[in-house]
Amino acid sequence: MELSYNGLALIVSDGVYEPAEDSFLLASAAESLTGRVLEVGCGSGMASLVCAKNGATVWGVDINPEAVRCARENAERNSFSNARFMASDLFSTIPEQKFDAILFNPPYLPTTRNERVHGPLNHAFDGGEDGRKVLDRFLDQFDHFLRPGGTLFLVQSSLNDEQKTRARLKAMGYDVSVVSSQSFFFEKLSLIKASKP
């Protein structure tokens, strides 16, 4: 499929998460970011390329190789040389460095083994039985890659315990706020901003 967002012409390949409400929450936050930005779980690259359009130096990573190919193609289609994309399971292949901002829209749906989606697209949805399987791994690791004074923007669903995430970030010393939210009949999506002192 093809879509346009914030002046970007994007394609979304088969096997890549199609941008939805959670994607647009994150992309709206990306519009204000500059410096060195990392997007974990970049999908089609929409939020990463919004940052690149504003002049940020962007790294986008995804565990899904098809998403990485799609994001690279979108960077080429929009003539960005300041965005690079690579395959990574969270931070596993990211070289040692610090970023001014980190973006993450995790797979947050509580998912049993029988509910998994076939193929690599499952990575975009499958949050494990409590919806926190990937999110908690991310929270264990991200602080190491964020510079002092940096900012995390994190999409959170009411389906996987927003209060637990906020409490954990506060316990790590972050200033935490919800900068936007959207309610649906089955869940509430929030965009959490966590600033590192």
N, C-alpha and C. Protein backbone atom coordinates (compact mmCIF):
# COMPACT_ATOMS: atom_id res chain seq x y z
N MET A 1 0.84 -1.18 0.00
CA MET A 1 0.00 0.00 0.00
C MET A 1 0.88 1.24 0.00
N GLU A 2 0.30 2.37 -0.40
CA GLU A 2 0.99 3.64 -0.40
C GLU A 2 0.24 4.62 0.49
N LEU A 3 0.98 5.50 1.15
CA LEU A 3 0.35 6.54 1.95
C LEU A 3 1.25 7.75 1.99
N SER A 4 0.66 8.88 2.33
CA SER A 4 1.45 10.09 2.52
C SER A 4 1.23 10.59 3.94
N TYR A 5 2.31 11.11 4.54
CA TYR A 5 2.23 11.65 5.89
C TYR A 5 3.26 12.76 6.01
N ASN A 6 2.82 13.92 6.41
CA ASN A 6 3.73 15.04 6.68
C ASN A 6 4.68 15.31 5.50
N GLY A 7 4.12 15.19 4.30
CA GLY A 7 4.92 15.45 3.11
C GLY A 7 5.76 14.29 2.64
N LEU A 8 5.68 13.16 3.31
CA LEU A 8 6.43 11.97 2.93
C LEU A 8 5.57 11.05 2.07
N ALA A 9 6.17 10.50 1.03
CA ALA A 9 5.50 9.50 0.21
C ALA A 9 6.03 8.14 0.62
N LEU A 10 5.17 7.31 1.19
CA LEU A 10 5.60 6.04 1.79
C LEU A 10 4.93 4.85 1.12
N ILE A 11 5.65 3.76 1.08
CA ILE A 11 5.06 2.48 0.71
C ILE A 11 5.14 1.57 1.93
N VAL A 12 4.19 0.66 2.05
CA VAL A 12 4.22 -0.34 3.11
C VAL A 12 4.14 -1.70 2.43
N SER A 13 5.22 -2.45 2.50
CA SER A 13 5.31 -3.75 1.84
C SER A 13 4.47 -4.80 2.56
N ASP A 14 4.15 -5.86 1.86
CA ASP A 14 3.55 -7.02 2.50
C ASP A 14 4.48 -7.53 3.59
N GLY A 15 3.92 -7.91 4.72
CA GLY A 15 4.74 -8.42 5.82
C GLY A 15 5.27 -7.33 6.73
N VAL A 16 4.88 -6.06 6.49
CA VAL A 16 5.31 -4.94 7.31
C VAL A 16 4.08 -4.31 7.96
N TYR A 17 4.22 -3.93 9.23
CA TYR A 17 3.10 -3.34 9.96
C TYR A 17 2.58 -2.09 9.26
N GLU A 18 1.29 -2.08 8.97
CA GLU A 18 0.68 -0.92 8.33
C GLU A 18 0.43 0.17 9.36
N PRO A 19 0.94 1.38 9.14
CA PRO A 19 0.77 2.44 10.14
C PRO A 19 -0.69 2.60 10.54
N ALA A 20 -0.91 2.68 11.85
CA ALA A 20 -2.25 2.83 12.42
C ALA A 20 -2.18 3.91 13.49
N GLU A 21 -3.20 3.98 14.33
CA GLU A 21 -3.29 5.05 15.32
C GLU A 21 -2.04 5.14 16.20
N ASP A 22 -1.51 4.00 16.61
CA ASP A 22 -0.31 4.02 17.46
C ASP A 22 0.88 4.61 16.71
N SER A 23 0.99 4.29 15.42
CA SER A 23 2.08 4.82 14.60
C SER A 23 2.00 6.34 14.48
N PHE A 24 0.78 6.84 14.32
CA PHE A 24 0.61 8.28 14.14
C PHE A 24 0.85 9.04 15.45
N LEU A 25 0.53 8.42 16.58
CA LEU A 25 0.87 9.05 17.87
C LEU A 25 2.38 9.25 17.97
N LEU A 26 3.13 8.23 17.61
CA LEU A 26 4.58 8.31 17.71
C LEU A 26 5.15 9.28 16.67
N ALA A 27 4.63 9.24 15.47
CA ALA A 27 5.13 10.13 14.42
C ALA A 27 4.88 11.59 14.76
N SER A 28 3.78 11.89 15.44
CA SER A 28 3.51 13.28 15.82
C SER A 28 4.56 13.79 16.80
N ALA A 29 5.02 12.93 17.71
CA ALA A 29 6.09 13.32 18.64
C ALA A 29 7.40 13.50 17.91
N ALA A 30 7.61 12.70 16.88
CA ALA A 30 8.87 12.75 16.13
C ALA A 30 9.06 14.09 15.42
N GLU A 31 7.98 14.80 15.16
CA GLU A 31 8.07 16.06 14.43
C GLU A 31 8.91 17.10 15.15
N SER A 32 9.07 16.98 16.46
CA SER A 32 9.80 17.99 17.23
C SER A 32 11.25 17.60 17.52
N LEU A 33 11.69 16.43 17.04
CA LEU A 33 13.00 15.92 17.45
C LEU A 33 14.11 16.31 16.50
N THR A 34 15.27 16.61 17.08
CA THR A 34 16.47 16.89 16.31
C THR A 34 17.63 16.12 16.95
N GLY A 35 18.83 16.28 16.45
CA GLY A 35 19.99 15.59 17.01
C GLY A 35 20.08 14.17 16.52
N ARG A 36 20.51 13.27 17.41
CA ARG A 36 20.67 11.85 17.07
C ARG A 36 19.47 11.08 17.63
N VAL A 37 18.73 10.43 16.75
CA VAL A 37 17.48 9.77 17.13
C VAL A 37 17.55 8.30 16.74
N LEU A 38 17.08 7.44 17.64
CA LEU A 38 16.96 6.01 17.39
C LEU A 38 15.50 5.61 17.47
N GLU A 39 15.01 4.94 16.42
CA GLU A 39 13.68 4.34 16.48
C GLU A 39 13.83 2.83 16.53
N VAL A 40 13.35 2.24 17.59
CA VAL A 40 13.36 0.78 17.75
C VAL A 40 12.00 0.26 17.26
N GLY A 41 12.03 -0.73 16.38
CA GLY A 41 10.79 -1.22 15.78
C GLY A 41 10.27 -0.23 14.76
N CYS A 42 11.10 0.09 13.78
CA CYS A 42 10.80 1.20 12.86
C CYS A 42 9.70 0.88 11.85
N GLY A 43 9.39 -0.39 11.62
CA GLY A 43 8.36 -0.71 10.64
C GLY A 43 8.69 -0.11 9.29
N SER A 44 7.74 0.61 8.71
CA SER A 44 7.93 1.23 7.39
C SER A 44 8.86 2.43 7.43
N GLY A 45 9.25 2.87 8.63
CA GLY A 45 10.17 3.99 8.76
C GLY A 45 9.50 5.34 8.89
N MET A 46 8.18 5.38 9.05
CA MET A 46 7.46 6.65 9.03
C MET A 46 7.98 7.64 10.08
N ALA A 47 8.03 7.24 11.35
CA ALA A 47 8.48 8.16 12.41
C ALA A 47 9.95 8.53 12.22
N SER A 48 10.77 7.58 11.83
CA SER A 48 12.18 7.86 11.58
C SER A 48 12.35 8.93 10.50
N LEU A 49 11.58 8.81 9.44
CA LEU A 49 11.72 9.75 8.33
C LEU A 49 11.14 11.11 8.64
N VAL A 50 10.16 11.18 9.53
CA VAL A 50 9.70 12.48 10.03
C VAL A 50 10.86 13.19 10.73
N CYS A 51 11.60 12.45 11.55
CA CYS A 51 12.78 13.02 12.22
C CYS A 51 13.83 13.45 11.21
N ALA A 52 14.08 12.60 10.22
CA ALA A 52 15.08 12.92 9.21
C ALA A 52 14.70 14.17 8.43
N LYS A 53 13.42 14.33 8.17
CA LYS A 53 12.94 15.52 7.46
C LYS A 53 13.27 16.79 8.23
N ASN A 54 13.29 16.69 9.56
CA ASN A 54 13.60 17.84 10.41
C ASN A 54 15.10 18.02 10.61
N GLY A 55 15.91 17.18 9.95
CA GLY A 55 17.35 17.35 10.03
C GLY A 55 18.05 16.47 11.05
N ALA A 56 17.30 15.60 11.74
CA ALA A 56 17.92 14.70 12.71
C ALA A 56 18.74 13.64 11.98
N THR A 57 19.73 13.11 12.68
CA THR A 57 20.47 11.93 12.21
C THR A 57 19.79 10.72 12.83
N VAL A 58 19.26 9.85 12.01
CA VAL A 58 18.34 8.82 12.49
C VAL A 58 18.89 7.42 12.21
N TRP A 59 18.77 6.58 13.23
CA TRP A 59 18.95 5.13 13.09
C TRP A 59 17.58 4.49 13.35
N GLY A 60 17.17 3.62 12.43
CA GLY A 60 15.96 2.85 12.64
C GLY A 60 16.29 1.38 12.62
N VAL A 61 15.77 0.63 13.58
CA VAL A 61 16.03 -0.81 13.63
C VAL A 61 14.71 -1.57 13.76
N ASP A 62 14.72 -2.78 13.24
CA ASP A 62 13.55 -3.64 13.35
C ASP A 62 14.02 -5.08 13.30
N ILE A 63 13.32 -5.94 14.01
CA ILE A 63 13.64 -7.37 14.00
C ILE A 63 13.18 -8.04 12.70
N ASN A 64 12.24 -7.38 12.00
CA ASN A 64 11.67 -7.91 10.77
C ASN A 64 12.50 -7.42 9.57
N PRO A 65 13.22 -8.31 8.89
CA PRO A 65 14.06 -7.87 7.75
C PRO A 65 13.25 -7.19 6.66
N GLU A 66 12.01 -7.59 6.46
CA GLU A 66 11.18 -6.95 5.43
C GLU A 66 10.88 -5.50 5.80
N ALA A 67 10.70 -5.23 7.10
CA ALA A 67 10.49 -3.85 7.55
C ALA A 67 11.73 -3.00 7.29
N VAL A 68 12.91 -3.56 7.53
CA VAL A 68 14.16 -2.83 7.27
C VAL A 68 14.28 -2.49 5.79
N ARG A 69 13.98 -3.45 4.92
CA ARG A 69 14.02 -3.20 3.47
C ARG A 69 13.03 -2.11 3.09
N CYS A 70 11.83 -2.17 3.65
CA CYS A 70 10.78 -1.19 3.35
C CYS A 70 11.20 0.20 3.80
N ALA A 71 11.74 0.32 5.01
CA ALA A 71 12.17 1.62 5.54
C ALA A 71 13.30 2.20 4.68
N ARG A 72 14.24 1.35 4.28
CA ARG A 72 15.32 1.82 3.40
C ARG A 72 14.77 2.35 2.08
N GLU A 73 13.81 1.62 1.52
CA GLU A 73 13.22 2.06 0.26
C GLU A 73 12.49 3.38 0.44
N ASN A 74 11.81 3.57 1.57
CA ASN A 74 11.12 4.83 1.83
C ASN A 74 12.11 5.98 2.01
N ALA A 75 13.25 5.72 2.62
CA ALA A 75 14.28 6.75 2.74
C ALA A 75 14.78 7.16 1.35
N GLU A 76 14.98 6.18 0.47
CA GLU A 76 15.42 6.48 -0.89
C GLU A 76 14.35 7.23 -1.68
N ARG A 77 13.10 6.81 -1.54
CA ARG A 77 12.00 7.47 -2.26
C ARG A 77 11.89 8.93 -1.88
N ASN A 78 12.24 9.26 -0.63
CA ASN A 78 12.12 10.63 -0.14
C ASN A 78 13.46 11.36 -0.08
N SER A 79 14.50 10.73 -0.66
CA SER A 79 15.83 11.34 -0.83
C SER A 79 16.48 11.76 0.48
N PHE A 80 16.41 10.87 1.48
CA PHE A 80 17.08 11.14 2.75
C PHE A 80 18.39 10.35 2.82
N SER A 81 19.46 11.06 3.14
CA SER A 81 20.75 10.40 3.36
C SER A 81 21.11 10.39 4.85
N ASN A 82 20.26 11.00 5.69
CA ASN A 82 20.54 11.10 7.12
C ASN A 82 19.72 10.10 7.94
N ALA A 83 19.23 9.05 7.30
CA ALA A 83 18.51 7.98 7.99
C ALA A 83 19.06 6.64 7.53
N ARG A 84 19.46 5.82 8.48
CA ARG A 84 19.95 4.48 8.13
C ARG A 84 19.13 3.45 8.90
N PHE A 85 18.96 2.30 8.30
CA PHE A 85 18.11 1.25 8.85
C PHE A 85 18.86 -0.07 8.86
N MET A 86 18.67 -0.83 9.92
CA MET A 86 19.34 -2.12 10.03
C MET A 86 18.49 -3.09 10.85
N ALA A 87 18.74 -4.36 10.64
CA ALA A 87 18.03 -5.39 11.39
C ALA A 87 18.63 -5.50 12.79
N SER A 88 17.76 -5.56 13.79
CA SER A 88 18.22 -5.71 15.17
C SER A 88 17.07 -6.17 16.04
N ASP A 89 17.35 -7.08 16.95
CA ASP A 89 16.41 -7.46 17.99
C ASP A 89 16.62 -6.47 19.13
N LEU A 90 15.76 -5.46 19.20
CA LEU A 90 15.95 -4.32 20.10
C LEU A 90 17.33 -3.71 19.86
N PHE A 91 18.22 -3.74 20.85
CA PHE A 91 19.51 -3.05 20.74
C PHE A 91 20.66 -3.98 20.36
N SER A 92 20.36 -5.20 19.95
CA SER A 92 21.40 -6.23 19.85
C SER A 92 22.51 -5.90 18.87
N THR A 93 22.23 -5.18 17.77
CA THR A 93 23.27 -4.90 16.78
C THR A 93 23.61 -3.42 16.69
N ILE A 94 23.15 -2.61 17.64
CA ILE A 94 23.43 -1.17 17.60
C ILE A 94 24.80 -0.90 18.21
N PRO A 95 25.68 -0.24 17.47
CA PRO A 95 27.00 0.08 18.02
C PRO A 95 26.90 0.94 19.27
N GLU A 96 27.89 0.84 20.12
CA GLU A 96 27.93 1.59 21.38
C GLU A 96 27.88 3.09 21.09
N GLN A 97 26.81 3.74 21.48
CA GLN A 97 26.65 5.18 21.30
C GLN A 97 25.45 5.67 22.10
N LYS A 98 25.32 6.98 22.21
CA LYS A 98 24.22 7.61 22.94
C LYS A 98 23.37 8.42 21.98
N PHE A 99 22.07 8.42 22.23
CA PHE A 99 21.13 9.15 21.39
C PHE A 99 20.44 10.25 22.18
N ASP A 100 20.02 11.30 21.46
CA ASP A 100 19.27 12.39 22.08
C ASP A 100 17.83 11.98 22.34
N ALA A 101 17.31 11.08 21.53
CA ALA A 101 15.93 10.61 21.70
C ALA A 101 15.82 9.18 21.20
N ILE A 102 14.96 8.42 21.85
CA ILE A 102 14.64 7.06 21.43
C ILE A 102 13.13 6.95 21.30
N LEU A 103 12.68 6.35 20.20
CA LEU A 103 11.26 6.13 19.94
C LEU A 103 10.99 4.63 19.94
N PHE A 104 9.85 4.24 20.52
CA PHE A 104 9.50 2.81 20.49
C PHE A 104 8.00 2.64 20.54
N ASN A 105 7.49 1.90 19.55
CA ASN A 105 6.09 1.47 19.54
C ASN A 105 6.12 -0.06 19.64
N PRO A 106 6.09 -0.58 20.86
CA PRO A 106 6.31 -2.02 21.04
C PRO A 106 5.11 -2.86 20.64
N PRO A 107 5.33 -4.13 20.38
CA PRO A 107 4.20 -5.06 20.26
C PRO A 107 3.57 -5.22 21.64
N TYR A 108 2.32 -4.81 21.78
CA TYR A 108 1.73 -4.75 23.13
C TYR A 108 0.47 -5.59 23.29
N LEU A 109 0.07 -6.31 22.26
CA LEU A 109 -1.14 -7.12 22.40
C LEU A 109 -0.85 -8.37 23.22
N PRO A 110 -1.60 -8.60 24.30
CA PRO A 110 -1.48 -9.89 25.00
C PRO A 110 -1.82 -11.01 24.02
N THR A 111 -0.91 -11.96 23.87
CA THR A 111 -1.03 -12.95 22.80
C THR A 111 -0.68 -14.34 23.31
N THR A 112 -1.59 -15.27 23.10
CA THR A 112 -1.28 -16.66 23.40
C THR A 112 -0.63 -17.30 22.16
N ARG A 113 -0.09 -18.47 22.34
CA ARG A 113 0.56 -19.17 21.22
C ARG A 113 -0.40 -19.33 20.04
N ASN A 114 -1.68 -19.61 20.31
CA ASN A 114 -2.66 -19.84 19.24
C ASN A 114 -3.08 -18.56 18.53
N GLU A 115 -2.78 -17.41 19.12
CA GLU A 115 -3.19 -16.13 18.53
C GLU A 115 -2.10 -15.48 17.69
N ARG A 116 -0.95 -16.09 17.59
CA ARG A 116 0.15 -15.49 16.85
C ARG A 116 -0.17 -15.39 15.36
N VAL A 117 0.34 -14.33 14.74
CA VAL A 117 0.21 -14.12 13.30
C VAL A 117 1.33 -14.89 12.60
N HIS A 118 1.02 -15.51 11.49
CA HIS A 118 2.03 -16.27 10.76
C HIS A 118 3.05 -15.34 10.12
N GLY A 119 4.33 -15.67 10.23
CA GLY A 119 5.37 -14.92 9.56
C GLY A 119 5.95 -13.80 10.40
N PRO A 120 6.87 -13.02 9.81
CA PRO A 120 7.58 -11.98 10.56
C PRO A 120 6.69 -10.84 11.05
N LEU A 121 5.52 -10.67 10.46
CA LEU A 121 4.61 -9.62 10.92
C LEU A 121 4.18 -9.85 12.37
N ASN A 122 4.29 -11.09 12.84
CA ASN A 122 3.94 -11.39 14.24
C ASN A 122 4.72 -10.51 15.22
N HIS A 123 5.95 -10.15 14.84
CA HIS A 123 6.78 -9.33 15.74
C HIS A 123 6.14 -7.99 16.06
N ALA A 124 5.28 -7.49 15.17
CA ALA A 124 4.66 -6.18 15.37
C ALA A 124 3.49 -6.23 16.35
N PHE A 125 2.97 -7.43 16.60
CA PHE A 125 1.77 -7.55 17.43
C PHE A 125 1.98 -8.31 18.74
N ASP A 126 2.81 -9.32 18.71
CA ASP A 126 2.89 -10.32 19.78
C ASP A 126 3.64 -9.79 21.00
N GLY A 127 2.88 -9.43 22.03
CA GLY A 127 3.48 -8.95 23.27
C GLY A 127 3.61 -10.03 24.33
N GLY A 128 3.38 -11.29 23.95
CA GLY A 128 3.40 -12.36 24.96
C GLY A 128 2.10 -12.36 25.74
N GLU A 129 1.99 -13.24 26.70
CA GLU A 129 0.72 -13.44 27.38
C GLU A 129 0.24 -12.22 28.16
N ASP A 130 1.17 -11.39 28.66
CA ASP A 130 0.75 -10.19 29.39
C ASP A 130 0.96 -8.91 28.57
N GLY A 131 1.38 -9.05 27.31
CA GLY A 131 1.59 -7.89 26.47
C GLY A 131 2.88 -7.14 26.76
N ARG A 132 3.71 -7.67 27.65
CA ARG A 132 4.92 -6.95 28.09
C ARG A 132 6.22 -7.68 27.75
N LYS A 133 6.14 -8.76 27.00
CA LYS A 133 7.33 -9.58 26.74
C LYS A 133 8.47 -8.76 26.13
N VAL A 134 8.16 -7.97 25.12
CA VAL A 134 9.18 -7.17 24.45
C VAL A 134 9.40 -5.86 25.20
N LEU A 135 8.32 -5.26 25.69
CA LEU A 135 8.42 -3.98 26.40
C LEU A 135 9.36 -4.06 27.60
N ASP A 136 9.25 -5.09 28.39
CA ASP A 136 10.10 -5.20 29.58
C ASP A 136 11.56 -5.40 29.21
N ARG A 137 11.82 -6.14 28.13
CA ARG A 137 13.21 -6.27 27.64
C ARG A 137 13.75 -4.92 27.21
N PHE A 138 12.93 -4.14 26.54
CA PHE A 138 13.33 -2.80 26.11
C PHE A 138 13.65 -1.93 27.32
N LEU A 139 12.79 -1.95 28.32
CA LEU A 139 13.00 -1.12 29.51
C LEU A 139 14.27 -1.51 30.26
N ASP A 140 14.66 -2.77 30.14
CA ASP A 140 15.91 -3.22 30.77
C ASP A 140 17.15 -2.61 30.09
N GLN A 141 17.01 -2.21 28.82
CA GLN A 141 18.19 -1.88 28.01
C GLN A 141 18.30 -0.43 27.55
N PHE A 142 17.19 0.27 27.38
CA PHE A 142 17.24 1.53 26.64
C PHE A 142 18.07 2.60 27.32
N ASP A 143 18.10 2.61 28.65
CA ASP A 143 18.77 3.68 29.38
C ASP A 143 20.25 3.79 29.01
N HIS A 144 20.85 2.66 28.67
CA HIS A 144 22.26 2.62 28.31
C HIS A 144 22.55 3.41 27.03
N PHE A 145 21.53 3.59 26.18
CA PHE A 145 21.71 4.23 24.88
C PHE A 145 21.18 5.66 24.83
N LEU A 146 20.64 6.16 25.93
CA LEU A 146 20.08 7.51 25.96
C LEU A 146 21.02 8.43 26.73
N ARG A 147 21.37 9.54 26.13
CA ARG A 147 22.30 10.46 26.78
C ARG A 147 21.61 11.20 27.92
N PRO A 148 22.35 11.71 28.90
CA PRO A 148 21.77 12.57 29.94
C PRO A 148 21.06 13.75 29.28
N GLY A 149 19.86 14.02 29.72
CA GLY A 149 19.05 15.07 29.10
C GLY A 149 18.23 14.57 27.92
N GLY A 150 18.39 13.30 27.56
CA GLY A 150 17.67 12.75 26.42
C GLY A 150 16.23 12.39 26.76
N THR A 151 15.48 12.03 25.72
CA THR A 151 14.04 11.78 25.86
C THR A 151 13.64 10.47 25.21
N LEU A 152 12.80 9.73 25.90
CA LEU A 152 12.17 8.52 25.37
C LEU A 152 10.71 8.84 25.06
N PHE A 153 10.27 8.46 23.87
CA PHE A 153 8.84 8.48 23.54
C PHE A 153 8.41 7.03 23.32
N LEU A 154 7.42 6.62 24.08
CA LEU A 154 7.01 5.21 24.13
C LEU A 154 5.50 5.10 24.00
N VAL A 155 5.03 4.31 23.02
CA VAL A 155 3.60 4.04 22.90
C VAL A 155 3.23 2.98 23.92
N GLN A 156 2.14 3.23 24.64
CA GLN A 156 1.70 2.32 25.70
C GLN A 156 0.21 2.06 25.53
N SER A 157 -0.20 0.84 25.73
CA SER A 157 -1.61 0.46 25.66
C SER A 157 -2.14 0.15 27.04
N SER A 158 -3.42 0.41 27.22
CA SER A 158 -4.09 0.02 28.47
C SER A 158 -4.16 -1.50 28.61
N LEU A 159 -3.89 -2.22 27.52
CA LEU A 159 -3.94 -3.69 27.56
C LEU A 159 -2.73 -4.30 28.25
N ASN A 160 -1.65 -3.51 28.43
CA ASN A 160 -0.45 -4.11 29.04
C ASN A 160 0.11 -3.25 30.18
N ASP A 161 -0.78 -2.66 30.96
CA ASP A 161 -0.45 -2.06 32.26
C ASP A 161 0.44 -0.82 32.16
N GLU A 162 -0.20 0.27 31.75
CA GLU A 162 0.51 1.54 31.63
C GLU A 162 1.11 1.98 32.96
N GLN A 163 0.39 1.76 34.06
CA GLN A 163 0.88 2.20 35.37
C GLN A 163 2.19 1.51 35.73
N LYS A 164 2.31 0.25 35.37
CA LYS A 164 3.55 -0.48 35.64
C LYS A 164 4.72 0.15 34.89
N THR A 165 4.49 0.52 33.64
CA THR A 165 5.55 1.14 32.84
C THR A 165 5.95 2.48 33.43
N ARG A 166 4.97 3.30 33.77
CA ARG A 166 5.28 4.63 34.32
C ARG A 166 6.02 4.50 35.64
N ALA A 167 5.59 3.57 36.48
CA ALA A 167 6.26 3.38 37.79
C ALA A 167 7.70 2.93 37.59
N ARG A 168 7.91 2.06 36.64
CA ARG A 168 9.27 1.56 36.39
C ARG A 168 10.18 2.68 35.91
N LEU A 169 9.69 3.52 35.00
CA LEU A 169 10.49 4.63 34.50
C LEU A 169 10.80 5.63 35.61
N LYS A 170 9.82 5.91 36.46
CA LYS A 170 10.05 6.83 37.58
C LYS A 170 11.08 6.27 38.55
N ALA A 171 11.02 4.96 38.77
CA ALA A 171 12.00 4.33 39.66
C ALA A 171 13.42 4.41 39.09
N MET A 172 13.53 4.55 37.78
CA MET A 172 14.83 4.70 37.12
C MET A 172 15.31 6.15 37.15
N GLY A 173 14.49 7.04 37.68
CA GLY A 173 14.87 8.43 37.81
C GLY A 173 14.38 9.34 36.69
N TYR A 174 13.50 8.84 35.87
CA TYR A 174 12.99 9.64 34.75
C TYR A 174 11.81 10.51 35.18
N ASP A 175 11.71 11.68 34.55
CA ASP A 175 10.51 12.50 34.64
C ASP A 175 9.55 11.97 33.59
N VAL A 176 8.34 11.58 34.02
CA VAL A 176 7.42 10.85 33.15
C VAL A 176 6.11 11.62 33.00
N SER A 177 5.63 11.72 31.76
CA SER A 177 4.33 12.34 31.52
C SER A 177 3.68 11.65 30.33
N VAL A 178 2.37 11.82 30.22
CA VAL A 178 1.63 11.34 29.05
C VAL A 178 1.32 12.56 28.20
N VAL A 179 1.87 12.60 26.99
CA VAL A 179 1.75 13.80 26.16
C VAL A 179 0.55 13.75 25.22
N SER A 180 0.03 12.57 24.95
CA SER A 180 -1.19 12.45 24.16
C SER A 180 -1.78 11.07 24.36
N SER A 181 -3.07 10.95 24.08
CA SER A 181 -3.73 9.64 24.22
C SER A 181 -4.93 9.59 23.29
N GLN A 182 -5.38 8.38 23.05
CA GLN A 182 -6.52 8.15 22.17
C GLN A 182 -7.26 6.92 22.68
N SER A 183 -8.57 7.03 22.82
CA SER A 183 -9.37 5.93 23.36
C SER A 183 -10.15 5.23 22.26
N PHE A 184 -10.23 3.92 22.38
CA PHE A 184 -11.01 3.09 21.47
C PHE A 184 -11.91 2.20 22.31
N PHE A 185 -12.79 1.46 21.68
CA PHE A 185 -13.74 0.68 22.45
C PHE A 185 -13.07 -0.44 23.25
N PHE A 186 -11.89 -0.88 22.83
CA PHE A 186 -11.23 -2.00 23.49
C PHE A 186 -9.95 -1.63 24.21
N GLU A 187 -9.43 -0.40 24.00
CA GLU A 187 -8.19 -0.01 24.65
C GLU A 187 -8.01 1.50 24.60
N LYS A 188 -7.07 1.96 25.40
CA LYS A 188 -6.62 3.35 25.35
C LYS A 188 -5.14 3.34 25.02
N LEU A 189 -4.76 4.12 24.02
CA LEU A 189 -3.36 4.27 23.66
C LEU A 189 -2.83 5.57 24.24
N SER A 190 -1.64 5.53 24.80
CA SER A 190 -1.01 6.72 25.36
C SER A 190 0.40 6.84 24.81
N LEU A 191 0.85 8.07 24.66
CA LEU A 191 2.24 8.32 24.30
C LEU A 191 2.94 8.85 25.54
N ILE A 192 3.85 8.03 26.07
CA ILE A 192 4.59 8.39 27.27
C ILE A 192 5.87 9.10 26.87
N LYS A 193 6.14 10.20 27.54
CA LYS A 193 7.41 10.92 27.39
C LYS A 193 8.18 10.75 28.69
N ALA A 194 9.40 10.25 28.60
CA ALA A 194 10.25 10.08 29.77
C ALA A 194 11.55 10.80 29.51
N SER A 195 11.87 11.77 30.37
CA SER A 195 13.06 12.60 30.19
C SER A 195 14.12 12.20 31.20
N LYS A 196 15.35 12.08 30.71
CA LYS A 196 16.45 11.65 31.55
C LYS A 196 17.16 12.87 32.14
N PRO A 197 17.27 12.97 33.47
CA PRO A 197 17.93 14.12 34.09
C PRO A 197 19.40 14.24 33.64
